[in-house]
């Protein structure tokens, strides 16, 4: 973010006082069962998919996951630069699509 934008943000939001967050709710994650997905394809290259556990659509955290998914899959942001930095010249496609599970 450029300094001018940062100054605008501080001017607009700097006066908001810090507040206390409510205590975090406990959670219990059950073990994840590994699965292999095989799809016939005529594509001239291989693909890999890495999946993560996401909150269900009725969870209060679902909206935050939607925002995070958009940030992680955007090729315009700094995070995508990290993906490109750690991968060879091979094409990279990032797609983050949370689904209820």
Foldseek 3Di string as FASTA:
>chain_A
DDPVVVVVCCVVPVPDDDDDDDDDDDDDDDDDDDDDDDDDDPDPDDDDDDDDDDAAPPDPCNVVVVVVQCVCQDCPDPNVVVVPVPDPPDDDHDHRDDHGD
